[in-house]
Amino acid sequence: MTPFFSIIVPCCDVEQYLRECLDSVLKQPFGDWECILGVEKSKDKTADIVNEYAAKDKRFRVFTGERSGSCSASRNTGIDMATGEYIIFLDGDDTIE
């Protein structure tokens, strides 16, 4: 089934904030979403956290890439992967209220 929302989150060196970000997605009362996590090579445990969430909830989808220096590369790849009717961009250090 196609999700209503595709949430695209570029993730690079956001270990300190990432759990709060992903928990805010999980806490939404509307559950018809997919969350596409673009992980660039990080110096911290960002990739471990992303993989942990993806293992627990199939709505989290992960792709990896080289460090680009810009969120745009991850966002563009996420757009190509998105299957939802609408796209939402969220950075790894942001939350959804």
PDB file of N, CA and C in Angstrom:
ATOM      1  N   MET A   1       0.835  -1.174   0.000  1.00  0.00           N
ATOM      2  CA  MET A   1       0.000   0.000   0.000  1.00  0.00           C
ATOM      3  C   MET A   1       0.890   1.252   0.000  1.00  0.00           C
ATOM      4  N   THR A   2       0.489   2.244  -0.737  1.00  0.00           N
ATOM      5  CA  THR A   2       1.247   3.483  -0.845  1.00  0.00           C
ATOM      6  C   THR A   2       1.007   4.359   0.378  1.00  0.00           C
ATOM      7  N   PRO A   3       2.082   4.839   1.025  1.00  0.00           N
ATOM      8  CA  PRO A   3       1.895   5.728   2.175  1.00  0.00           C
ATOM      9  C   PRO A   3       1.405   7.110   1.725  1.00  0.00           C
ATOM     10  N   PHE A   4       0.758   7.805   2.609  1.00  0.00           N
ATOM     11  CA  PHE A   4       0.286   9.156   2.311  1.00  0.00           C
ATOM     12  C   PHE A   4       1.454  10.137   2.295  1.00  0.00           C
ATOM     13  N   PHE A   5       2.347  10.025   3.289  1.00  0.00           N
ATOM     14  CA  PHE A   5       3.510  10.905   3.393  1.00  0.00           C
ATOM     15  C   PHE A   5       4.811  10.126   3.237  1.00  0.00           C
ATOM     16  N   SER A   6       5.758  10.719   2.535  1.00  0.00           N
ATOM     17  CA  SER A   6       7.144  10.259   2.532  1.00  0.00           C
ATOM     18  C   SER A   6       7.950  11.330   3.245  1.00  0.00           C
ATOM     19  N   ILE A   7       8.573  10.957   4.346  1.00  0.00           N
ATOM     20  CA  ILE A   7       9.396  11.879   5.124  1.00  0.00           C
ATOM     21  C   ILE A   7      10.851  11.572   4.784  1.00  0.00           C
ATOM     22  N   ILE A   8      11.565  12.553   4.266  1.00  0.00           N
ATOM     23  CA  ILE A   8      12.944  12.355   3.838  1.00  0.00           C
ATOM     24  C   ILE A   8      13.864  13.054   4.837  1.00  0.00           C
ATOM     25  N   VAL A   9      14.780  12.276   5.413  1.00  0.00           N
ATOM     26  CA  VAL A   9      15.681  12.792   6.439  1.00  0.00           C
ATOM     27  C   VAL A   9      17.139  12.526   6.054  1.00  0.00           C
ATOM     28  N   PRO A  10      17.879  13.561   5.643  1.00  0.00           N
ATOM     29  CA  PRO A  10      19.325  13.395   5.452  1.00  0.00           C
ATOM     30  C   PRO A  10      19.993  13.249   6.821  1.00  0.00           C
ATOM     31  N   CYS A  11      20.914  12.303   6.949  1.00  0.00           N
ATOM     32  CA  CYS A  11      21.533  12.027   8.245  1.00  0.00           C
ATOM     33  C   CYS A  11      23.053  11.964   8.101  1.00  0.00           C
ATOM     34  N   CYS A  12      23.725  12.904   8.720  1.00  0.00           N
ATOM     35  CA  CYS A  12      25.186  12.910   8.721  1.00  0.00           C
ATOM     36  C   CYS A  12      25.663  13.585  10.007  1.00  0.00           C
ATOM     37  N   ASP A  13      26.350  12.842  10.843  1.00  0.00           N
ATOM     38  CA  ASP A  13      26.874  13.368  12.109  1.00  0.00           C
ATOM     39  C   ASP A  13      25.795  14.027  12.969  1.00  0.00           C
ATOM     40  N   VAL A  14      24.676  13.321  13.135  1.00  0.00           N
ATOM     41  CA  VAL A  14      23.580  13.856  13.955  1.00  0.00           C
ATOM     42  C   VAL A  14      23.224  12.916  15.116  1.00  0.00           C
ATOM     43  N   GLU A  15      24.197  12.130  15.552  1.00  0.00           N
ATOM     44  CA  GLU A  15      23.971  11.179  16.640  1.00  0.00           C
ATOM     45  C   GLU A  15      23.304  11.849  17.844  1.00  0.00           C
ATOM     46  N   GLN A  16      23.738  13.019  18.186  1.00  0.00           N
ATOM     47  CA  GLN A  16      23.261  13.714  19.375  1.00  0.00           C
ATOM     48  C   GLN A  16      21.756  14.034  19.302  1.00  0.00           C
ATOM     49  N   TYR A  17      21.201  14.186  18.105  1.00  0.00           N
ATOM     50  CA  TYR A  17      19.815  14.627  17.932  1.00  0.00           C
ATOM     51  C   TYR A  17      18.914  13.578  17.295  1.00  0.00           C
ATOM     52  N   LEU A  18      19.481  12.576  16.678  1.00  0.00           N
ATOM     53  CA  LEU A  18      18.730  11.700  15.788  1.00  0.00           C
ATOM     54  C   LEU A  18      17.624  10.910  16.476  1.00  0.00           C
ATOM     55  N   ARG A  19      17.861  10.399  17.659  1.00  0.00           N
ATOM     56  CA  ARG A  19      16.808   9.646  18.354  1.00  0.00           C
ATOM     57  C   ARG A  19      15.586  10.527  18.617  1.00  0.00           C
ATOM     58  N   GLU A  20      15.824  11.743  19.037  1.00  0.00           N
ATOM     59  CA  GLU A  20      14.706  12.668  19.283  1.00  0.00           C
ATOM     60  C   GLU A  20      13.950  12.933  17.981  1.00  0.00           C
ATOM     61  N   CYS A  21      14.672  13.093  16.896  1.00  0.00           N
ATOM     62  CA  CYS A  21      14.061  13.315  15.589  1.00  0.00           C
ATOM     63  C   CYS A  21      13.176  12.130  15.196  1.00  0.00           C
ATOM     64  N   LEU A  22      13.735  10.931  15.223  1.00  0.00           N
ATOM     65  CA  LEU A  22      13.002   9.757  14.782  1.00  0.00           C
ATOM     66  C   LEU A  22      11.865   9.397  15.737  1.00  0.00           C
ATOM     67  N   ASP A  23      12.054   9.630  17.021  1.00  0.00           N
ATOM     68  CA  ASP A  23      10.972   9.419  17.979  1.00  0.00           C
ATOM     69  C   ASP A  23       9.813  10.368  17.706  1.00  0.00           C
ATOM     70  N   SER A  24      10.115  11.591  17.280  1.00  0.00           N
ATOM     71  CA  SER A  24       9.043  12.546  16.981  1.00  0.00           C
ATOM     72  C   SER A  24       8.226  12.081  15.776  1.00  0.00           C
ATOM     73  N   VAL A  25       8.862  11.397  14.838  1.00  0.00           N
ATOM     74  CA  VAL A  25       8.126  10.823  13.701  1.00  0.00           C
ATOM     75  C   VAL A  25       7.229   9.684  14.199  1.00  0.00           C
ATOM     76  N   LEU A  26       7.774   8.823  15.033  1.00  0.00           N
ATOM     77  CA  LEU A  26       7.000   7.696  15.553  1.00  0.00           C
ATOM     78  C   LEU A  26       5.811   8.137  16.401  1.00  0.00           C
ATOM     79  N   LYS A  27       5.909   9.275  17.057  1.00  0.00           N
ATOM     80  CA  LYS A  27       4.854   9.742  17.960  1.00  0.00           C
ATOM     81  C   LYS A  27       3.680  10.405  17.238  1.00  0.00           C
ATOM     82  N   GLN A  28       3.764  10.555  15.941  1.00  0.00           N
ATOM     83  CA  GLN A  28       2.674  11.197  15.209  1.00  0.00           C
ATOM     84  C   GLN A  28       1.416  10.330  15.267  1.00  0.00           C
ATOM     85  N   PRO A  29       0.264  10.954  15.486  1.00  0.00           N
ATOM     86  CA  PRO A  29      -0.971  10.165  15.551  1.00  0.00           C
ATOM     87  C   PRO A  29      -1.363   9.594  14.185  1.00  0.00           C
ATOM     88  N   PHE A  30      -0.869  10.191  13.125  1.00  0.00           N
ATOM     89  CA  PHE A  30      -1.141   9.720  11.776  1.00  0.00           C
ATOM     90  C   PHE A  30      -0.026   8.762  11.373  1.00  0.00           C
ATOM     91  N   GLY A  31      -0.327   7.511  11.161  1.00  0.00           N
ATOM     92  CA  GLY A  31       0.705   6.508  10.945  1.00  0.00           C
ATOM     93  C   GLY A  31       0.931   6.104   9.500  1.00  0.00           C
ATOM     94  N   ASP A  32       0.274   6.761   8.560  1.00  0.00           N
ATOM     95  CA  ASP A  32       0.377   6.384   7.155  1.00  0.00           C
ATOM     96  C   ASP A  32       1.539   7.122   6.494  1.00  0.00           C
ATOM     97  N   TRP A  33       2.756   6.704   6.828  1.00  0.00           N
ATOM     98  CA  TRP A  33       3.957   7.363   6.322  1.00  0.00           C
ATOM     99  C   TRP A  33       5.074   6.351   6.102  1.00  0.00           C
ATOM    100  N   GLU A  34       6.057   6.785   5.335  1.00  0.00           N
ATOM    101  CA  GLU A  34       7.342   6.104   5.254  1.00  0.00           C
ATOM    102  C   GLU A  34       8.381   7.164   5.568  1.00  0.00           C
ATOM    103  N   CYS A  35       9.473   6.747   6.157  1.00  0.00           N
ATOM    104  CA  CYS A  35      10.550   7.679   6.487  1.00  0.00           C
ATOM    105  C   CYS A  35      11.817   7.174   5.805  1.00  0.00           C
ATOM    106  N   ILE A  36      12.292   7.947   4.859  1.00  0.00           N
ATOM    107  CA  ILE A  36      13.461   7.574   4.078  1.00  0.00           C
ATOM    108  C   ILE A  36      14.669   8.281   4.676  1.00  0.00           C
ATOM    109  N   LEU A  37      15.615   7.494   5.163  1.00  0.00           N
ATOM    110  CA  LEU A  37      16.774   8.017   5.874  1.00  0.00           C
ATOM    111  C   LEU A  37      18.012   7.886   5.001  1.00  0.00           C
ATOM    112  N   GLY A  38      18.561   9.020   4.611  1.00  0.00           N
ATOM    113  CA  GLY A  38      19.761   9.036   3.782  1.00  0.00           C
ATOM    114  C   GLY A  38      20.986   9.230   4.653  1.00  0.00           C
ATOM    115  N   VAL A  39      21.766   8.175   4.818  1.00  0.00           N
ATOM    116  CA  VAL A  39      22.916   8.206   5.718  1.00  0.00           C
ATOM    117  C   VAL A  39      24.198   8.420   4.920  1.00  0.00           C
ATOM    118  N   GLU A  40      24.829   9.562   5.160  1.00  0.00           N
ATOM    119  CA  GLU A  40      26.149   9.805   4.584  1.00  0.00           C
ATOM    120  C   GLU A  40      27.199   9.389   5.602  1.00  0.00           C
ATOM    121  N   LYS A  41      28.398   9.079   5.132  1.00  0.00           N
ATOM    122  CA  LYS A  41      29.467   8.654   6.039  1.00  0.00           C
ATOM    123  C   LYS A  41      29.619   9.667   7.165  1.00  0.00           C
ATOM    124  N   SER A  42      29.495   9.180   8.385  1.00  0.00           N
ATOM    125  CA  SER A  42      29.542  10.021   9.569  1.00  0.00           C
ATOM    126  C   SER A  42      30.714   9.621  10.456  1.00  0.00           C
ATOM    127  N   LYS A  43      31.107  10.549  11.307  1.00  0.00           N
ATOM    128  CA  LYS A  43      32.190  10.310  12.260  1.00  0.00           C
ATOM    129  C   LYS A  43      31.650   9.819  13.603  1.00  0.00           C
ATOM    130  N   ASP A  44      30.335   9.724  13.712  1.00  0.00           N
ATOM    131  CA  ASP A  44      29.711   9.296  14.959  1.00  0.00           C
ATOM    132  C   ASP A  44      28.862   8.048  14.696  1.00  0.00           C
ATOM    133  N   LYS A  45      27.892   7.779  15.549  1.00  0.00           N
ATOM    134  CA  LYS A  45      27.085   6.563  15.455  1.00  0.00           C
ATOM    135  C   LYS A  45      25.743   6.780  14.762  1.00  0.00           C
ATOM    136  N   THR A  46      25.680   7.759  13.880  1.00  0.00           N
ATOM    137  CA  THR A  46      24.450   8.037  13.147  1.00  0.00           C
ATOM    138  C   THR A  46      23.930   6.790  12.436  1.00  0.00           C
ATOM    139  N   ALA A  47      24.791   6.091  11.710  1.00  0.00           N
ATOM    140  CA  ALA A  47      24.369   4.905  10.950  1.00  0.00           C
ATOM    141  C   ALA A  47      23.819   3.813  11.870  1.00  0.00           C
ATOM    142  N   ASP A  48      24.416   3.616  13.019  1.00  0.00           N
ATOM    143  CA  ASP A  48      23.937   2.607  13.964  1.00  0.00           C
ATOM    144  C   ASP A  48      22.522   2.921  14.433  1.00  0.00           C
ATOM    145  N   ILE A  49      22.267   4.183  14.725  1.00  0.00           N
ATOM    146  CA  ILE A  49      20.945   4.593  15.201  1.00  0.00           C
ATOM    147  C   ILE A  49      19.901   4.394  14.107  1.00  0.00           C
ATOM    148  N   VAL A  50      20.226   4.828  12.896  1.00  0.00           N
ATOM    149  CA  VAL A  50      19.301   4.668  11.768  1.00  0.00           C
ATOM    150  C   VAL A  50      18.963   3.194  11.557  1.00  0.00           C
ATOM    151  N   ASN A  51      19.969   2.349  11.569  1.00  0.00           N
ATOM    152  CA  ASN A  51      19.735   0.913  11.361  1.00  0.00           C
ATOM    153  C   ASN A  51      18.913   0.298  12.488  1.00  0.00           C
ATOM    154  N   GLU A  52      19.097   0.780  13.691  1.00  0.00           N
ATOM    155  CA  GLU A  52      18.309   0.307  14.838  1.00  0.00           C
ATOM    156  C   GLU A  52      16.820   0.596  14.622  1.00  0.00           C
ATOM    157  N   TYR A  53      16.506   1.821  14.215  1.00  0.00           N
ATOM    158  CA  TYR A  53      15.111   2.194  13.983  1.00  0.00           C
ATOM    159  C   TYR A  53      14.525   1.426  12.798  1.00  0.00           C
ATOM    160  N   ALA A  54      15.290   1.261  11.745  1.00  0.00           N
ATOM    161  CA  ALA A  54      14.812   0.536  10.561  1.00  0.00           C
ATOM    162  C   ALA A  54      14.543  -0.932  10.888  1.00  0.00           C
ATOM    163  N   ALA A  55      15.322  -1.499  11.795  1.00  0.00           N
ATOM    164  CA  ALA A  55      15.118  -2.898  12.178  1.00  0.00           C
ATOM    165  C   ALA A  55      13.832  -3.080  12.982  1.00  0.00           C
ATOM    166  N   LYS A  56      13.405  -2.034  13.679  1.00  0.00           N
ATOM    167  CA  LYS A  56      12.224  -2.118  14.530  1.00  0.00           C
ATOM    168  C   LYS A  56      10.927  -1.746  13.818  1.00  0.00           C
ATOM    169  N   ASP A  57      11.013  -0.943  12.756  1.00  0.00           N
ATOM    170  CA  ASP A  57       9.805  -0.450  12.088  1.00  0.00           C
ATOM    171  C   ASP A  57      10.057  -0.402  10.581  1.00  0.00           C
ATOM    172  N   LYS A  58       9.307  -1.178   9.822  1.00  0.00           N
ATOM    173  CA  LYS A  58       9.519  -1.286   8.376  1.00  0.00           C
ATOM    174  C   LYS A  58       9.199   0.000   7.624  1.00  0.00           C
ATOM    175  N   ARG A  59       8.565   0.969   8.282  1.00  0.00           N
ATOM    176  CA  ARG A  59       8.283   2.246   7.619  1.00  0.00           C
ATOM    177  C   ARG A  59       9.546   3.089   7.464  1.00  0.00           C
ATOM    178  N   PHE A  60      10.596   2.759   8.217  1.00  0.00           N
ATOM    179  CA  PHE A  60      11.892   3.421   8.049  1.00  0.00           C
ATOM    180  C   PHE A  60      12.670   2.687   6.960  1.00  0.00           C
ATOM    181  N   ARG A  61      13.059   3.429   5.929  1.00  0.00           N
ATOM    182  CA  ARG A  61      13.851   2.870   4.830  1.00  0.00           C
ATOM    183  C   ARG A  61      15.176   3.617   4.789  1.00  0.00           C
ATOM    184  N   VAL A  62      16.269   2.893   4.547  1.00  0.00           N
ATOM    185  CA  VAL A  62      17.612   3.464   4.659  1.00  0.00           C
ATOM    186  C   VAL A  62      18.364   3.332   3.342  1.00  0.00           C
ATOM    187  N   PHE A  63      19.085   4.380   2.984  1.00  0.00           N
ATOM    188  CA  PHE A  63      20.075   4.276   1.921  1.00  0.00           C
ATOM    189  C   PHE A  63      21.331   4.983   2.399  1.00  0.00           C
ATOM    190  N   THR A  64      22.470   4.582   1.865  1.00  0.00           N
ATOM    191  CA  THR A  64      23.735   5.173   2.276  1.00  0.00           C
ATOM    192  C   THR A  64      24.417   5.832   1.088  1.00  0.00           C
ATOM    193  N   GLY A  65      25.293   6.773   1.396  1.00  0.00           N
ATOM    194  CA  GLY A  65      26.035   7.467   0.354  1.00  0.00           C
ATOM    195  C   GLY A  65      27.314   8.055   0.903  1.00  0.00           C
ATOM    196  N   GLU A  66      28.126   8.500   0.001  1.00  0.00           N
ATOM    197  CA  GLU A  66      29.362   9.174   0.383  1.00  0.00           C
ATOM    198  C   GLU A  66      29.032  10.539   0.977  1.00  0.00           C
ATOM    199  N   ARG A  67      29.950  11.079   1.697  1.00  0.00           N
ATOM    200  CA  ARG A  67      29.786  12.409   2.277  1.00  0.00           C
ATOM    201  C   ARG A  67      29.801  13.443   1.155  1.00  0.00           C
ATOM    202  N   SER A  68      28.713  14.199   1.010  1.00  0.00           N
ATOM    203  CA  SER A  68      28.582  15.137  -0.103  1.00  0.00           C
ATOM    204  C   SER A  68      28.806  16.586   0.312  1.00  0.00           C
ATOM    205  N   GLY A  69      28.682  16.863   1.604  1.00  0.00           N
ATOM    206  CA  GLY A  69      28.817  18.239   2.067  1.00  0.00           C
ATOM    207  C   GLY A  69      27.531  19.047   1.929  1.00  0.00           C
ATOM    208  N   SER A  70      26.463  18.390   1.487  1.00  0.00           N
ATOM    209  CA  SER A  70      25.185  19.065   1.291  1.00  0.00           C
ATOM    210  C   SER A  70      24.053  18.077   1.529  1.00  0.00           C
ATOM    211  N   CYS A  71      22.968  18.566   2.099  1.00  0.00           N
ATOM    212  CA  CYS A  71      21.783  17.717   2.303  1.00  0.00           C
ATOM    213  C   CYS A  71      21.056  17.450   0.991  1.00  0.00           C
ATOM    214  N   SER A  72      21.330  18.245  -0.026  1.00  0.00           N
ATOM    215  CA  SER A  72      20.601  18.137  -1.289  1.00  0.00           C
ATOM    216  C   SER A  72      20.741  16.771  -1.940  1.00  0.00           C
ATOM    217  N   ALA A  73      21.920  16.188  -1.910  1.00  0.00           N
ATOM    218  CA  ALA A  73      22.121  14.877  -2.538  1.00  0.00           C
ATOM    219  C   ALA A  73      21.221  13.824  -1.891  1.00  0.00           C
ATOM    220  N   SER A  74      21.164  13.802  -0.566  1.00  0.00           N
ATOM    221  CA  SER A  74      20.302  12.843   0.128  1.00  0.00           C
ATOM    222  C   SER A  74      18.832  13.130  -0.122  1.00  0.00           C
ATOM    223  N   ARG A  75      18.466  14.390  -0.154  1.00  0.00           N
ATOM    224  CA  ARG A  75      17.069  14.739  -0.433  1.00  0.00           C
ATOM    225  C   ARG A  75      16.667  14.294  -1.837  1.00  0.00           C
ATOM    226  N   ASN A  76      17.524  14.523  -2.806  1.00  0.00           N
ATOM    227  CA  ASN A  76      17.204  14.139  -4.183  1.00  0.00           C
ATOM    228  C   ASN A  76      17.073  12.627  -4.331  1.00  0.00           C
ATOM    229  N   THR A  77      17.966  11.873  -3.708  1.00  0.00           N
ATOM    230  CA  THR A  77      17.856  10.411  -3.747  1.00  0.00           C
ATOM    231  C   THR A  77      16.586   9.969  -3.043  1.00  0.00           C
ATOM    232  N   GLY A  78      16.282  10.604  -1.912  1.00  0.00           N
ATOM    233  CA  GLY A  78      15.054  10.293  -1.183  1.00  0.00           C
ATOM    234  C   GLY A  78      13.806  10.553  -2.015  1.00  0.00           C
ATOM    235  N   ILE A  79      13.807  11.636  -2.767  1.00  0.00           N
ATOM    236  CA  ILE A  79      12.671  11.930  -3.649  1.00  0.00           C
ATOM    237  C   ILE A  79      12.500  10.807  -4.668  1.00  0.00           C
ATOM    238  N   ASP A  80      13.605  10.337  -5.234  1.00  0.00           N
ATOM    239  CA  ASP A  80      13.542   9.244  -6.210  1.00  0.00           C
ATOM    240  C   ASP A  80      12.989   7.963  -5.596  1.00  0.00           C
ATOM    241  N   MET A  81      13.257   7.740  -4.322  1.00  0.00           N
ATOM    242  CA  MET A  81      12.803   6.522  -3.634  1.00  0.00           C
ATOM    243  C   MET A  81      11.382   6.645  -3.081  1.00  0.00           C
ATOM    244  N   ALA A  82      10.897   7.862  -2.914  1.00  0.00           N
ATOM    245  CA  ALA A  82       9.618   8.107  -2.239  1.00  0.00           C
ATOM    246  C   ALA A  82       8.445   7.491  -2.998  1.00  0.00           C
ATOM    247  N   THR A  83       7.524   6.922  -2.231  1.00  0.00           N
ATOM    248  CA  THR A  83       6.315   6.351  -2.812  1.00  0.00           C
ATOM    249  C   THR A  83       5.054   7.036  -2.302  1.00  0.00           C
ATOM    250  N   GLY A  84       5.191   7.974  -1.365  1.00  0.00           N
ATOM    251  CA  GLY A  84       4.041   8.644  -0.790  1.00  0.00           C
ATOM    252  C   GLY A  84       3.427   9.673  -1.727  1.00  0.00           C
ATOM    253  N   GLU A  85       2.191  10.054  -1.410  1.00  0.00           N
ATOM    254  CA  GLU A  85       1.512  11.088  -2.191  1.00  0.00           C
ATOM    255  C   GLU A  85       2.156  12.455  -1.978  1.00  0.00           C
ATOM    256  N   TYR A  86       2.621  12.700  -0.778  1.00  0.00           N
ATOM    257  CA  TYR A  86       3.239  13.977  -0.422  1.00  0.00           C
ATOM    258  C   TYR A  86       4.605  13.725   0.195  1.00  0.00           C
ATOM    259  N   ILE A  87       5.494  14.703   0.035  1.00  0.00           N
ATOM    260  CA  ILE A  87       6.855  14.601   0.568  1.00  0.00           C
ATOM    261  C   ILE A  87       7.061  15.671   1.632  1.00  0.00           C
ATOM    262  N   ILE A  88       7.676  15.261   2.724  1.00  0.00           N
ATOM    263  CA  ILE A  88       8.043  16.167   3.806  1.00  0.00           C
ATOM    264  C   ILE A  88       9.551  16.044   4.001  1.00  0.00           C
ATOM    265  N   PHE A  89      10.224  17.168   4.139  1.00  0.00           N
ATOM    266  CA  PHE A  89      11.654  17.153   4.436  1.00  0.00           C
ATOM    267  C   PHE A  89      11.846  17.448   5.915  1.00  0.00           C
ATOM    268  N   LEU A  90      12.709  16.680   6.538  1.00  0.00           N
ATOM    269  CA  LEU A  90      13.034  16.855   7.951  1.00  0.00           C
ATOM    270  C   LEU A  90      14.528  16.629   8.082  1.00  0.00           C
ATOM    271  N   ASP A  91      15.220  17.496   8.777  1.00  0.00           N
ATOM    272  CA  ASP A  91      16.643  17.287   9.001  1.00  0.00           C
ATOM    273  C   ASP A  91      16.842  16.429  10.252  1.00  0.00           C
ATOM    274  N   GLY A  92      17.968  15.774  10.332  1.00  0.00           N
ATOM    275  CA  GLY A  92      18.253  14.860  11.430  1.00  0.00           C
ATOM    276  C   GLY A  92      18.345  15.505  12.796  1.00  0.00           C
ATOM    277  N   ASP A  93      18.430  16.829  12.831  1.00  0.00           N
ATOM    278  CA  ASP A  93      18.458  17.532  14.119  1.00  0.00           C
ATOM    279  C   ASP A  93      17.157  18.307  14.351  1.00  0.00           C
ATOM    280  N   ASP A  94      16.096  17.967  13.619  1.00  0.00           N
ATOM    281  CA  ASP A  94      14.781  18.591  13.768  1.00  0.00           C
ATOM    282  C   ASP A  94      13.804  17.602  14.368  1.00  0.00           C
ATOM    283  N   THR A  95      12.668  18.112  14.819  1.00  0.00           N
ATOM    284  CA  THR A  95      11.581  17.268  15.286  1.00  0.00           C
ATOM    285  C   THR A  95      10.273  17.752  14.673  1.00  0.00           C
ATOM    286  N   ILE A  96       9.284  16.873  14.676  1.00  0.00           N
ATOM    287  CA  ILE A  96       7.927  17.220  14.268  1.00  0.00           C
ATOM    288  C   ILE A  96       7.097  17.290  15.533  1.00  0.00           C
ATOM    289  N   GLU A  97       6.408  18.379  15.716  1.00  0.00           N
ATOM    290  CA  GLU A  97       5.543  18.518  16.903  1.00  0.00           C
ATOM    291  C   GLU A  97       4.263  17.748  16.722  1.00  0.00           C
TER     292      GLU A  97
END
